[in-house]
Amino acid sequence: MTKTKTNRVRASVRKTPKTLRELNTGKMNAVMSKFIPARYDLHAEFALTGDQDLNDPVDFLPRNLSRLEVGAGYCMMTGRRDFHFAGTEQQMKDIMRQFCSSPFKVIRFCVYPDGDHFHDYNDGVLEAQAARAQRRAKAKRAKR
């Protein structure tokens, strides 16, 4: 117990120790802002029949998904038509769902993180940190 200026007695509040879950949650929350919005590359390979045009699979997609196409060609190993898309995880799932309900035979889907997106994002972060450090140094010199 401690006395205040008005001679009133104040009981000290004893803090309860944090549980392991609270400690772990605090640590998790400290790094949650470090996640960047991930982008993915999706490659879809098709076995088209004689009556299907080379671009029919992309034309089958709704406009909001077909705009995610970044490349098209032929698989070097099999010679089949393939398309390359780039976007978020949800967009890649939407594209795959559309192709699953399409009249085209999908041979293979291949999804992996877009490395260039991560490098570009990290470059931007490093540039922002360097600019912030320069501003701080300039402000520090101005105070002297």
N, C-alpha and C. Protein backbone atom coordinates (compact mmCIF):
# COMPACT_ATOMS: atom_id res chain seq x y z
N MET A 1 0.83 -1.17 0.00
CA MET A 1 0.00 0.00 0.00
C MET A 1 0.88 1.23 0.00
N THR A 2 0.41 2.25 -0.71
CA THR A 2 1.16 3.51 -0.78
C THR A 2 0.25 4.66 -0.37
N LYS A 3 0.88 5.72 0.13
CA LYS A 3 0.11 6.90 0.50
C LYS A 3 0.20 7.93 -0.60
N THR A 4 -0.90 8.61 -0.87
CA THR A 4 -0.92 9.67 -1.86
C THR A 4 -0.78 11.01 -1.16
N LYS A 5 -0.76 12.11 -1.90
CA LYS A 5 -0.60 13.44 -1.33
C LYS A 5 -1.75 13.82 -0.39
N THR A 6 -2.89 13.26 -0.61
CA THR A 6 -4.04 13.59 0.25
C THR A 6 -4.17 12.62 1.41
N ASN A 7 -3.13 11.87 1.67
CA ASN A 7 -3.08 10.91 2.78
C ASN A 7 -4.11 9.80 2.67
N ARG A 8 -4.56 9.54 1.48
CA ARG A 8 -5.42 8.38 1.28
C ARG A 8 -4.56 7.18 0.96
N VAL A 9 -4.98 6.07 1.41
CA VAL A 9 -4.24 4.85 1.14
C VAL A 9 -4.76 4.22 -0.14
N ARG A 10 -3.83 3.88 -0.99
CA ARG A 10 -4.21 3.25 -2.26
C ARG A 10 -3.60 1.86 -2.30
N ALA A 11 -4.41 0.90 -2.59
CA ALA A 11 -3.92 -0.48 -2.68
C ALA A 11 -3.26 -0.68 -4.03
N SER A 12 -2.10 -1.28 -4.02
CA SER A 12 -1.42 -1.55 -5.29
C SER A 12 -2.09 -2.74 -5.97
N VAL A 13 -2.26 -2.61 -7.24
CA VAL A 13 -2.91 -3.65 -8.02
C VAL A 13 -1.86 -4.64 -8.47
N ARG A 14 -2.10 -5.88 -8.18
CA ARG A 14 -1.15 -6.92 -8.57
C ARG A 14 -1.53 -7.41 -9.97
N LYS A 15 -0.59 -7.35 -10.87
CA LYS A 15 -0.85 -7.81 -12.23
C LYS A 15 -0.82 -9.33 -12.27
N THR A 16 -1.81 -9.85 -12.96
CA THR A 16 -1.81 -11.30 -13.13
C THR A 16 -0.87 -11.64 -14.27
N PRO A 17 -0.12 -12.71 -14.12
CA PRO A 17 0.81 -13.07 -15.20
C PRO A 17 0.04 -13.46 -16.46
N LYS A 18 0.63 -13.12 -17.57
CA LYS A 18 0.00 -13.46 -18.85
C LYS A 18 0.12 -14.96 -19.09
N THR A 19 -0.90 -15.48 -19.72
CA THR A 19 -0.86 -16.90 -20.07
C THR A 19 0.06 -17.09 -21.27
N LEU A 20 0.41 -18.31 -21.50
CA LEU A 20 1.27 -18.62 -22.65
C LEU A 20 0.60 -18.21 -23.95
N ARG A 21 -0.71 -18.39 -24.03
CA ARG A 21 -1.43 -18.00 -25.24
C ARG A 21 -1.36 -16.49 -25.45
N GLU A 22 -1.51 -15.70 -24.39
CA GLU A 22 -1.44 -14.24 -24.51
C GLU A 22 -0.05 -13.79 -24.92
N LEU A 23 0.99 -14.43 -24.36
CA LEU A 23 2.37 -14.10 -24.74
C LEU A 23 2.61 -14.40 -26.22
N ASN A 24 2.18 -15.59 -26.63
CA ASN A 24 2.38 -15.98 -28.04
C ASN A 24 1.58 -15.10 -28.98
N THR A 25 0.36 -14.73 -28.59
CA THR A 25 -0.48 -13.87 -29.42
C THR A 25 0.16 -12.50 -29.58
N GLY A 26 0.73 -11.99 -28.52
CA GLY A 26 1.42 -10.69 -28.61
C GLY A 26 2.58 -10.72 -29.58
N LYS A 27 3.33 -11.80 -29.54
CA LYS A 27 4.46 -11.95 -30.47
C LYS A 27 3.98 -12.08 -31.91
N MET A 28 2.87 -12.82 -32.09
CA MET A 28 2.31 -12.97 -33.42
C MET A 28 1.83 -11.63 -33.97
N ASN A 29 1.13 -10.86 -33.14
CA ASN A 29 0.62 -9.57 -33.57
C ASN A 29 1.73 -8.60 -33.93
N ALA A 30 2.89 -8.74 -33.30
CA ALA A 30 4.02 -7.86 -33.59
C ALA A 30 4.56 -8.06 -35.00
N VAL A 31 4.40 -9.25 -35.56
CA VAL A 31 4.94 -9.51 -36.90
C VAL A 31 3.86 -9.58 -37.98
N MET A 32 2.60 -9.49 -37.61
CA MET A 32 1.52 -9.61 -38.60
C MET A 32 1.62 -8.54 -39.68
N SER A 33 2.12 -7.38 -39.37
CA SER A 33 2.21 -6.31 -40.37
C SER A 33 3.32 -6.57 -41.37
N LYS A 34 4.17 -7.54 -41.12
CA LYS A 34 5.28 -7.83 -42.02
C LYS A 34 4.88 -8.69 -43.20
N PHE A 35 3.68 -9.30 -43.17
CA PHE A 35 3.21 -10.07 -44.30
C PHE A 35 2.89 -9.13 -45.45
N ILE A 36 3.27 -9.53 -46.63
CA ILE A 36 2.96 -8.72 -47.80
C ILE A 36 1.86 -9.40 -48.59
N PRO A 37 1.09 -8.62 -49.34
CA PRO A 37 0.05 -9.26 -50.14
C PRO A 37 0.70 -10.14 -51.21
N ALA A 38 0.49 -11.43 -51.10
CA ALA A 38 1.16 -12.38 -51.98
C ALA A 38 0.51 -12.41 -53.36
N ARG A 39 1.33 -12.66 -54.35
CA ARG A 39 0.86 -12.85 -55.72
C ARG A 39 1.37 -14.21 -56.17
N TYR A 40 0.62 -14.81 -57.06
CA TYR A 40 0.95 -16.15 -57.52
C TYR A 40 0.92 -16.22 -59.03
N ASP A 41 1.68 -17.19 -59.56
CA ASP A 41 1.67 -17.52 -60.98
C ASP A 41 0.93 -18.84 -61.11
N LEU A 42 0.04 -18.89 -62.09
CA LEU A 42 -0.71 -20.12 -62.39
C LEU A 42 -0.47 -20.47 -63.84
N HIS A 43 -0.06 -21.70 -64.07
CA HIS A 43 0.08 -22.22 -65.43
C HIS A 43 -0.97 -23.30 -65.61
N ALA A 44 -1.74 -23.19 -66.65
CA ALA A 44 -2.78 -24.17 -66.97
C ALA A 44 -2.48 -24.75 -68.35
N GLU A 45 -2.40 -26.07 -68.42
CA GLU A 45 -2.09 -26.75 -69.68
C GLU A 45 -3.33 -27.53 -70.12
N PHE A 46 -3.64 -27.42 -71.42
CA PHE A 46 -4.88 -28.00 -71.96
C PHE A 46 -4.58 -28.96 -73.10
N ALA A 47 -5.45 -29.95 -73.24
CA ALA A 47 -5.45 -30.82 -74.41
C ALA A 47 -6.69 -30.44 -75.22
N LEU A 48 -6.51 -29.60 -76.22
CA LEU A 48 -7.63 -29.11 -77.01
C LEU A 48 -7.97 -30.11 -78.11
N THR A 49 -9.25 -30.20 -78.40
CA THR A 49 -9.70 -31.08 -79.48
C THR A 49 -9.65 -30.30 -80.80
N GLY A 50 -9.89 -30.98 -81.89
CA GLY A 50 -9.80 -30.37 -83.20
C GLY A 50 -10.77 -29.22 -83.43
N ASP A 51 -11.92 -29.24 -82.78
CA ASP A 51 -12.90 -28.18 -82.99
C ASP A 51 -12.74 -27.00 -82.02
N GLN A 52 -11.74 -27.07 -81.15
CA GLN A 52 -11.50 -25.98 -80.19
C GLN A 52 -10.36 -25.11 -80.69
N ASP A 53 -10.60 -23.79 -80.63
CA ASP A 53 -9.59 -22.83 -81.06
C ASP A 53 -8.51 -22.70 -79.99
N LEU A 54 -7.34 -22.20 -80.39
CA LEU A 54 -6.22 -22.08 -79.46
C LEU A 54 -6.51 -21.14 -78.29
N ASN A 55 -7.31 -20.12 -78.51
CA ASN A 55 -7.59 -19.14 -77.45
C ASN A 55 -8.94 -19.35 -76.77
N ASP A 56 -9.64 -20.41 -77.09
CA ASP A 56 -10.95 -20.67 -76.49
C ASP A 56 -10.91 -20.75 -74.95
N PRO A 57 -9.90 -21.38 -74.34
CA PRO A 57 -9.91 -21.43 -72.87
C PRO A 57 -9.93 -20.05 -72.21
N VAL A 58 -9.15 -19.11 -72.72
CA VAL A 58 -9.13 -17.77 -72.14
C VAL A 58 -10.40 -17.02 -72.48
N ASP A 59 -10.92 -17.24 -73.69
CA ASP A 59 -12.18 -16.60 -74.06
C ASP A 59 -13.34 -17.10 -73.22
N PHE A 60 -13.22 -18.31 -72.66
CA PHE A 60 -14.26 -18.88 -71.81
C PHE A 60 -14.33 -18.17 -70.45
N LEU A 61 -13.21 -17.62 -70.01
CA LEU A 61 -13.17 -16.96 -68.70
C LEU A 61 -13.95 -15.64 -68.71
N PRO A 62 -14.55 -15.27 -67.57
CA PRO A 62 -15.16 -13.93 -67.49
C PRO A 62 -14.10 -12.85 -67.66
N ARG A 63 -14.51 -11.70 -68.07
CA ARG A 63 -13.56 -10.62 -68.37
C ARG A 63 -12.66 -10.27 -67.19
N ASN A 64 -13.21 -10.27 -65.97
CA ASN A 64 -12.40 -9.90 -64.81
C ASN A 64 -11.29 -10.91 -64.54
N LEU A 65 -11.44 -12.15 -65.01
CA LEU A 65 -10.38 -13.15 -64.83
C LEU A 65 -9.49 -13.26 -66.06
N SER A 66 -10.04 -13.04 -67.24
CA SER A 66 -9.21 -13.17 -68.45
C SER A 66 -8.15 -12.07 -68.52
N ARG A 67 -8.39 -10.95 -67.85
CA ARG A 67 -7.39 -9.87 -67.88
C ARG A 67 -6.14 -10.23 -67.07
N LEU A 68 -6.20 -11.31 -66.28
CA LEU A 68 -5.05 -11.74 -65.48
C LEU A 68 -4.05 -12.56 -66.29
N GLU A 69 -4.39 -12.85 -67.55
CA GLU A 69 -3.48 -13.63 -68.39
C GLU A 69 -2.26 -12.79 -68.72
N VAL A 70 -1.08 -13.38 -68.49
CA VAL A 70 0.16 -12.66 -68.80
C VAL A 70 0.98 -13.36 -69.88
N GLY A 71 0.53 -14.54 -70.28
CA GLY A 71 1.28 -15.22 -71.33
C GLY A 71 0.54 -16.45 -71.81
N ALA A 72 0.88 -16.87 -73.01
CA ALA A 72 0.30 -18.07 -73.60
C ALA A 72 1.33 -18.68 -74.53
N GLY A 73 1.23 -19.97 -74.70
CA GLY A 73 2.17 -20.63 -75.59
C GLY A 73 1.91 -22.12 -75.60
N TYR A 74 3.00 -22.86 -75.78
CA TYR A 74 2.92 -24.31 -75.83
C TYR A 74 3.94 -24.88 -74.86
N CYS A 75 3.55 -25.95 -74.19
CA CYS A 75 4.46 -26.62 -73.26
C CYS A 75 5.61 -27.23 -74.05
N MET A 76 6.83 -26.99 -73.63
CA MET A 76 8.01 -27.50 -74.34
C MET A 76 8.07 -29.02 -74.30
N MET A 77 7.58 -29.63 -73.22
CA MET A 77 7.69 -31.07 -73.06
C MET A 77 6.60 -31.84 -73.80
N THR A 78 5.39 -31.30 -73.77
CA THR A 78 4.26 -32.05 -74.33
C THR A 78 3.72 -31.46 -75.63
N GLY A 79 4.01 -30.20 -75.89
CA GLY A 79 3.50 -29.54 -77.09
C GLY A 79 2.05 -29.09 -76.96
N ARG A 80 1.50 -29.18 -75.76
CA ARG A 80 0.11 -28.76 -75.56
C ARG A 80 0.02 -27.27 -75.25
N ARG A 81 -1.17 -26.74 -75.49
CA ARG A 81 -1.43 -25.32 -75.27
C ARG A 81 -1.43 -25.02 -73.78
N ASP A 82 -0.72 -23.94 -73.37
CA ASP A 82 -0.75 -23.54 -71.97
C ASP A 82 -0.91 -22.03 -71.85
N PHE A 83 -1.44 -21.63 -70.72
CA PHE A 83 -1.68 -20.22 -70.42
C PHE A 83 -1.08 -19.90 -69.06
N HIS A 84 -0.62 -18.68 -68.92
CA HIS A 84 0.03 -18.22 -67.69
C HIS A 84 -0.78 -17.05 -67.15
N PHE A 85 -1.14 -17.14 -65.86
CA PHE A 85 -1.91 -16.09 -65.19
C PHE A 85 -1.15 -15.63 -63.96
N ALA A 86 -1.34 -14.38 -63.57
CA ALA A 86 -0.72 -13.83 -62.36
C ALA A 86 -1.77 -13.07 -61.57
N GLY A 87 -1.81 -13.30 -60.26
CA GLY A 87 -2.77 -12.61 -59.42
C GLY A 87 -2.73 -13.12 -57.99
N THR A 88 -3.75 -12.78 -57.23
CA THR A 88 -3.83 -13.19 -55.84
C THR A 88 -4.26 -14.64 -55.73
N GLU A 89 -4.19 -15.17 -54.54
CA GLU A 89 -4.59 -16.56 -54.31
C GLU A 89 -6.05 -16.78 -54.70
N GLN A 90 -6.92 -15.87 -54.31
CA GLN A 90 -8.34 -16.02 -54.61
C GLN A 90 -8.59 -15.97 -56.12
N GLN A 91 -7.90 -15.08 -56.82
CA GLN A 91 -8.06 -15.01 -58.27
C GLN A 91 -7.61 -16.29 -58.95
N MET A 92 -6.51 -16.88 -58.46
CA MET A 92 -6.03 -18.13 -59.04
C MET A 92 -7.03 -19.26 -58.79
N LYS A 93 -7.63 -19.28 -57.60
CA LYS A 93 -8.65 -20.29 -57.31
C LYS A 93 -9.87 -20.10 -58.20
N ASP A 94 -10.26 -18.86 -58.43
CA ASP A 94 -11.41 -18.58 -59.30
C ASP A 94 -11.16 -19.05 -60.73
N ILE A 95 -9.95 -18.82 -61.23
CA ILE A 95 -9.60 -19.25 -62.58
C ILE A 95 -9.66 -20.78 -62.67
N MET A 96 -9.10 -21.47 -61.68
CA MET A 96 -9.11 -22.93 -61.71
C MET A 96 -10.54 -23.47 -61.65
N ARG A 97 -11.38 -22.85 -60.83
CA ARG A 97 -12.79 -23.28 -60.75
C ARG A 97 -13.49 -23.11 -62.10
N GLN A 98 -13.22 -21.98 -62.77
CA GLN A 98 -13.84 -21.74 -64.08
C GLN A 98 -13.40 -22.80 -65.08
N PHE A 99 -12.11 -23.14 -65.09
CA PHE A 99 -11.61 -24.14 -66.02
C PHE A 99 -12.15 -25.54 -65.68
N CYS A 100 -12.39 -25.80 -64.41
CA CYS A 100 -12.94 -27.11 -64.03
C CYS A 100 -14.36 -27.29 -64.56
N SER A 101 -15.08 -26.18 -64.70
CA SER A 101 -16.45 -26.29 -65.22
C SER A 101 -16.52 -25.98 -66.72
N SER A 102 -15.38 -25.93 -67.37
CA SER A 102 -15.33 -25.61 -68.80
C SER A 102 -15.38 -26.89 -69.64
N PRO A 103 -15.58 -26.75 -70.94
CA PRO A 103 -15.57 -27.92 -71.83
C PRO A 103 -14.16 -28.34 -72.26
N PHE A 104 -13.13 -27.75 -71.67
CA PHE A 104 -11.76 -28.02 -72.09
C PHE A 104 -11.11 -29.01 -71.11
N LYS A 105 -10.32 -29.93 -71.66
CA LYS A 105 -9.63 -30.90 -70.82
C LYS A 105 -8.35 -30.28 -70.28
N VAL A 106 -8.30 -30.14 -68.96
CA VAL A 106 -7.12 -29.59 -68.29
C VAL A 106 -6.15 -30.74 -68.05
N ILE A 107 -4.94 -30.58 -68.52
CA ILE A 107 -3.91 -31.59 -68.30
C ILE A 107 -3.22 -31.33 -66.96
N ARG A 108 -2.92 -30.08 -66.68
CA ARG A 108 -2.17 -29.77 -65.47
C ARG A 108 -2.38 -28.32 -65.05
N PHE A 109 -2.50 -28.12 -63.73
CA PHE A 109 -2.41 -26.79 -63.13
C PHE A 109 -1.10 -26.75 -62.35
N CYS A 110 -0.41 -25.66 -62.42
CA CYS A 110 0.83 -25.48 -61.66
C CYS A 110 0.79 -24.07 -61.07
N VAL A 111 0.89 -23.98 -59.73
CA VAL A 111 0.83 -22.68 -59.05
C VAL A 111 2.07 -22.52 -58.20
N TYR A 112 2.67 -21.34 -58.24
CA TYR A 112 3.81 -21.04 -57.37
C TYR A 112 3.85 -19.55 -57.10
N PRO A 113 4.51 -19.14 -56.01
CA PRO A 113 4.59 -17.71 -55.67
C PRO A 113 5.36 -16.93 -56.74
N ASP A 114 4.93 -15.73 -57.00
CA ASP A 114 5.56 -14.86 -57.97
C ASP A 114 6.77 -14.19 -57.32
N GLY A 115 7.96 -14.70 -57.61
CA GLY A 115 9.18 -14.19 -57.00
C GLY A 115 9.46 -12.74 -57.34
N ASP A 116 9.18 -12.31 -58.56
CA ASP A 116 9.44 -10.92 -58.95
C ASP A 116 8.62 -9.95 -58.10
N HIS A 117 7.39 -10.34 -57.77
CA HIS A 117 6.54 -9.48 -56.95
C HIS A 117 7.19 -9.26 -55.58
N PHE A 118 7.75 -10.34 -54.99
CA PHE A 118 8.38 -10.22 -53.69
C PHE A 118 9.64 -9.36 -53.76
N HIS A 119 10.43 -9.53 -54.82
CA HIS A 119 11.64 -8.72 -54.97
C HIS A 119 11.28 -7.25 -55.14
N ASP A 120 10.30 -6.96 -55.99
CA ASP A 120 9.88 -5.58 -56.20
C ASP A 120 9.35 -4.96 -54.91
N TYR A 121 8.58 -5.74 -54.16
CA TYR A 121 8.03 -5.24 -52.89
C TYR A 121 9.16 -4.93 -51.92
N ASN A 122 10.12 -5.87 -51.80
CA ASN A 122 11.24 -5.66 -50.87
C ASN A 122 12.10 -4.48 -51.30
N ASP A 123 12.30 -4.29 -52.61
CA ASP A 123 13.05 -3.14 -53.09
C ASP A 123 12.36 -1.85 -52.67
N GLY A 124 11.05 -1.81 -52.80
CA GLY A 124 10.28 -0.62 -52.39
C GLY A 124 10.40 -0.36 -50.91
N VAL A 125 10.37 -1.42 -50.11
CA VAL A 125 10.50 -1.26 -48.65
C VAL A 125 11.88 -0.73 -48.31
N LEU A 126 12.92 -1.28 -48.95
CA LEU A 126 14.27 -0.81 -48.67
C LEU A 126 14.46 0.65 -49.08
N GLU A 127 13.88 1.04 -50.21
CA GLU A 127 13.97 2.43 -50.64
C GLU A 127 13.27 3.36 -49.65
N ALA A 128 12.12 2.94 -49.16
CA ALA A 128 11.38 3.75 -48.19
C ALA A 128 12.16 3.88 -46.89
N GLN A 129 12.81 2.80 -46.45
CA GLN A 129 13.60 2.85 -45.24
C GLN A 129 14.80 3.78 -45.41
N ALA A 130 15.45 3.73 -46.57
CA ALA A 130 16.59 4.60 -46.82
C ALA A 130 16.16 6.06 -46.86
N ALA A 131 15.03 6.36 -47.49
CA ALA A 131 14.53 7.73 -47.54
C ALA A 131 14.18 8.22 -46.14
N ARG A 132 13.59 7.36 -45.31
CA ARG A 132 13.24 7.73 -43.95
C ARG A 132 14.50 8.01 -43.13
N ALA A 133 15.54 7.19 -43.32
CA ALA A 133 16.80 7.40 -42.60
C ALA A 133 17.44 8.73 -43.02
N GLN A 134 17.36 9.08 -44.30
CA GLN A 134 17.91 10.35 -44.76
C GLN A 134 17.15 11.53 -44.16
N ARG A 135 15.83 11.43 -44.09
CA ARG A 135 15.04 12.51 -43.49
C ARG A 135 15.37 12.68 -42.02
N ARG A 136 15.55 11.56 -41.31
CA ARG A 136 15.90 11.64 -39.89
C ARG A 136 17.26 12.28 -39.69
N ALA A 137 18.22 11.87 -40.53
CA ALA A 137 19.57 12.44 -40.42
C ALA A 137 19.53 13.94 -40.72
N LYS A 138 18.77 14.34 -41.70
CA LYS A 138 18.65 15.76 -42.05
C LYS A 138 18.00 16.53 -40.91
N ALA A 139 16.96 15.97 -40.31
CA ALA A 139 16.29 16.65 -39.18
C ALA A 139 17.21 16.73 -37.99
N LYS A 140 18.02 15.72 -37.77
CA LYS A 140 18.97 15.72 -36.65
C LYS A 140 20.03 16.79 -36.84
N ARG A 141 20.52 16.94 -38.09
CA ARG A 141 21.52 17.98 -38.38
C ARG A 141 20.90 19.37 -38.22
N ALA A 142 19.63 19.51 -38.58
CA ALA A 142 18.98 20.82 -38.47
C ALA A 142 18.79 21.22 -37.00
N LYS A 143 18.64 20.25 -36.10
CA LYS A 143 18.49 20.57 -34.69
C LYS A 143 19.78 21.07 -34.05
N ARG A 144 20.91 20.68 -34.61
CA ARG A 144 22.21 21.09 -34.03
C ARG A 144 22.47 22.51 -34.26
